Amino acid sequence: MRPVLRHVRQLHSLGPANNDHVSALRVAISVAVPSLLLLLAGRPDLITYAVFGALTGMYGRNEPHQLRLRHQLQAALVLLSGVAVGVFLSVNHLHSWWLVGVEAVLAGAGSLYSDRVRLKPNGPFFGILALGACASIPTAVPWYVALLIAAASAGFSLFVGFGGWIRGRVWVPRAKRQPVRLQGQLRQRAVVHAARYAVAVGTAGAVGVLTGSGHPHWAMAAAAVPLAGADLPSSVHRGIHRIVGTLLGLVIVAVVLLPGPWAPLPHFPGAEAAILAVLVIIFQFTTELFMARHYGLAMVSFTPVILLMTQLAAPDDPYVLIAERGVETAVGAVTGILVVVFIRSRRNSPPEPSVSSAGQR
């Protein structure tokens, strides 16, 4: 009962600050530079690929520079793999059940890899998100151009993350980032954890397809969120944060996209894409600012990032966009929680390799 009460209290409390503004600034710069370059080139529709590459900067936030570089290289592999597979599905018009099947399989594989290299944020969530988003928008350029944009953005993010060393030249002797050896019980638990990802993502996606949603990948991404929890209460905690944070974020999206005297876009005729791009950069900064301290507050900002990017890449009816985002997030988060409840490891075994109560995002 005490763990449940502890997580309930955490729903309205901020974690301690830990140089969050520095990490947020690194990520904002990583997103801003390639996004603004694409905007100046007249291709705001390609900003999605740049942003997913730039999310490399979210990893290794408080590690020494040489460890951060290694950590971010490992994260870049997950993100660029998601972009590459998503672009492949989009170019070949493989949607619906193809997307569900491929993303479920890669969610399981990504879980094993994330457990092996100890990614923080935990799990393959951002790779899953990149895959679904890139698969669900038309690829308006050759596939290799989309992938090069994401790779260049990830490379710039690595440079930003390592820039502090170039300035201070501080190297920590004997600092290493050792992977986890998945053997024995750890291997068994990692396989169970991967199975959770595959089942949760596949089930949420199937529900989305069967109900006729235009964005089943949102449900699949939301289903992965509770699986990063260290235990059942924290999984429920993350799922609730995801739903509540998303709903509050949708209010911001409604203010930006829906017609009304409060809407900013009509005040800048001809510059709508530029305004959306700038808002994506600002909201990505505030997302990272709160990501380690309060997941729900981070989702309030991250929801506009995803929806405004979607509008830049493939404009849609904002009413439909907002409604589907809310429904798919609720479906996915509940699915993820149910999978954690019903697919359990043995009670007396140690915690799973990828999930620890410290540094959860």
Foldseek 3Di string as FASTA:
>chain_A
DVLLVVLVVLQPFWADDDPLLVLLVLLLVLLPPLCVVCVVVVQNLLSLLLNLLSCLSLWPSPPPLVASLVLSVLLNVLSLVLQLLLLVLQVVVPDQLSLLQVLLLVQLVQLLSCLFQQIPLFGSLSSLLNNLLSNLFHDPDPSVVSSVSSNVSNVVSSCSSNVVCVVVVDDDPPDDRHTDDCDDPLVVLSNLLSNLLSVLLNVQSNVCSVVPHSRSSLLSSLLCQLSQAQALSRSLSRLVLLLQLLLLLLVVVCQAPPDDPSHPQVVPPPCNSVVLSVLLSVLSSQLSSRVQTHVSPSSSSVNSNSLSSSCSNPNDDSVSVSVSNNVSNNSNSVSNSVSSVPRDDDPPDDTHSRYDPHSHD
